[in-house]
Amino acid sequence: MKEDLNSLIKWAENTIQIFNELLEEKQKKNQLSRHDAIFYNYNLENLTLIKEHLIDYQKLAKNYRELDKNYCILKLQKMEVDSRFIFEEMKKEYRANRRKWKAKKKVRRGANHV
């Protein structure tokens, strides 16, 4: 995604440069009609806006990725705190009633049965 946006931004920059060169070339030759000037200026404004929007979108996407990464870290930290709380509660329950938590002795088959 990052490479796609970079290539689109590069395309907009290159196209702006081409339009500027064409505009300068026509002005030097005095071949620039009113219609051409309006056409070039309109396209330059649009391309500049597109470039700015692409740069803004790239920044927003970067910020979103950072926030998502921070959210995942916070989620893991919350799980860790919750698991510690559960463990502490289990320890309290075990200490309160140890007999309840003891495993039953297994009876061996065949050894004492007649």
Protein backbone atom coordinates (compact mmCIF):
# COMPACT_ATOMS: atom_id res chain seq x y z
CA MET A 1 0.00 0.00 0.00
CA LYS A 2 2.82 2.37 0.91
CA GLU A 3 4.55 1.73 -2.42
CA ASP A 4 1.29 2.30 -4.33
CA LEU A 5 0.78 5.68 -2.68
CA ASN A 6 4.40 6.63 -3.26
CA SER A 7 4.12 5.74 -6.94
CA LEU A 8 0.89 7.74 -7.24
CA ILE A 9 2.49 10.74 -5.55
CA LYS A 10 5.50 10.40 -7.86
CA TRP A 11 3.15 10.22 -10.86
CA ALA A 12 1.39 13.42 -9.74
CA GLU A 13 4.73 15.19 -9.26
CA ASN A 14 5.96 14.08 -12.70
CA THR A 15 2.72 15.15 -14.38
CA ILE A 16 2.86 18.55 -12.66
CA GLN A 17 6.44 18.95 -13.88
CA ILE A 18 5.42 18.02 -17.45
CA PHE A 19 2.55 20.52 -17.40
CA ASN A 20 4.87 23.25 -16.07
CA GLU A 21 7.42 22.53 -18.81
CA LEU A 22 4.73 22.60 -21.50
CA LEU A 23 3.36 25.84 -20.12
CA GLU A 24 6.81 27.48 -20.09
CA GLU A 25 7.57 26.22 -23.59
CA LYS A 26 4.33 27.63 -24.99
CA GLN A 27 4.89 30.94 -23.20
CA LYS A 28 8.38 31.26 -24.66
CA LYS A 29 7.07 30.68 -28.17
CA ASN A 30 4.11 33.00 -27.58
CA GLN A 31 1.77 30.19 -28.61
CA LEU A 32 -0.21 30.24 -25.39
CA SER A 33 -3.82 31.07 -26.08
CA ARG A 34 -6.30 32.03 -23.38
CA HIS A 35 -7.91 28.61 -23.67
CA ASP A 36 -4.55 26.84 -23.24
CA ALA A 37 -3.68 28.94 -20.19
CA ILE A 38 -7.02 28.10 -18.54
CA PHE A 39 -6.60 24.42 -19.44
CA TYR A 40 -3.06 24.16 -18.03
CA ASN A 41 -3.85 26.13 -14.88
CA TYR A 42 -6.99 24.07 -14.22
CA ASN A 43 -5.08 20.80 -14.62
CA LEU A 44 -2.19 22.05 -12.49
CA GLU A 45 -4.58 22.99 -9.69
CA ASN A 46 -6.29 19.60 -9.87
CA LEU A 47 -3.02 17.70 -9.91
CA THR A 48 -1.72 19.71 -6.97
CA LEU A 49 -4.90 18.93 -5.02
CA ILE A 50 -4.62 15.25 -5.91
CA LYS A 51 -1.01 15.19 -4.73
CA GLU A 52 -1.92 16.92 -1.45
CA HIS A 53 -4.81 14.49 -0.87
CA LEU A 54 -2.55 11.51 -1.53
CA ILE A 55 0.04 12.82 0.93
CA ASP A 56 -2.67 13.42 3.55
CA TYR A 57 -4.09 9.94 2.98
CA GLN A 58 -0.62 8.44 3.35
CA LYS A 59 -0.15 10.25 6.68
CA LEU A 60 -3.58 9.10 7.89
CA ALA A 61 -2.82 5.51 6.93
CA LYS A 62 0.48 5.67 8.80
CA ASN A 63 -1.25 7.10 11.89
CA TYR A 64 -3.92 4.39 11.67
CA ARG A 65 -1.27 1.65 11.55
CA GLU A 66 0.45 3.13 14.62
CA LEU A 67 -2.85 3.36 16.51
CA ASP A 68 -3.73 -0.19 15.56
CA LYS A 69 -0.35 -1.41 16.79
CA ASN A 70 -0.81 0.49 20.07
CA TYR A 71 -4.32 -0.96 20.42
CA CYS A 72 -2.97 -4.50 20.03
CA ILE A 73 -0.32 -3.82 22.68
CA LEU A 74 -2.95 -2.41 25.06
CA LYS A 75 -5.17 -5.43 24.42
CA LEU A 76 -2.30 -7.78 25.33
CA GLN A 77 -1.53 -5.78 28.46
CA LYS A 78 -5.19 -5.94 29.49
CA MET A 79 -5.20 -9.71 28.97
CA GLU A 80 -2.08 -9.98 31.14
CA VAL A 81 -3.69 -7.95 33.94
CA ASP A 82 -6.88 -10.00 33.71
CA SER A 83 -4.96 -13.26 33.86
CA ARG A 84 -3.04 -12.08 36.92
CA PHE A 85 -6.32 -11.13 38.59
CA ILE A 86 -7.80 -14.55 37.82
CA PHE A 87 -4.68 -16.27 39.14
CA GLU A 88 -4.80 -14.26 42.38
CA GLU A 89 -8.48 -15.14 42.83
CA MET A 90 -7.72 -18.82 42.28
CA LYS A 91 -4.90 -18.68 44.85
CA LYS A 92 -7.26 -17.11 47.39
CA GLU A 93 -9.88 -19.81 46.74
CA TYR A 94 -7.29 -22.56 47.02
CA ARG A 95 -5.94 -21.25 50.30
CA ALA A 96 -9.45 -20.89 51.69
CA ASN A 97 -10.38 -24.52 51.00
CA ARG A 98 -7.39 -26.71 50.18
CA ARG A 99 -9.27 -30.01 50.55
CA LYS A 100 -11.64 -29.03 47.76
CA TRP A 101 -8.73 -28.66 45.37
CA LYS A 102 -6.85 -31.87 46.25
CA ALA A 103 -6.91 -34.57 43.64
CA LYS A 104 -8.59 -37.83 44.49
CA LYS A 105 -6.27 -40.76 44.91
CA LYS A 106 -6.33 -43.18 42.04
CA VAL A 107 -7.26 -46.74 42.88
CA ARG A 108 -5.06 -49.35 41.27
CA ARG A 109 -6.97 -52.08 39.58
CA GLY A 110 -6.11 -55.62 40.26
CA ALA A 111 -3.71 -54.99 43.13
CA ASN A 112 -6.14 -55.11 46.07
CA HIS A 113 -9.22 -56.54 44.42
CA VAL A 114 -10.13 -60.07 45.08
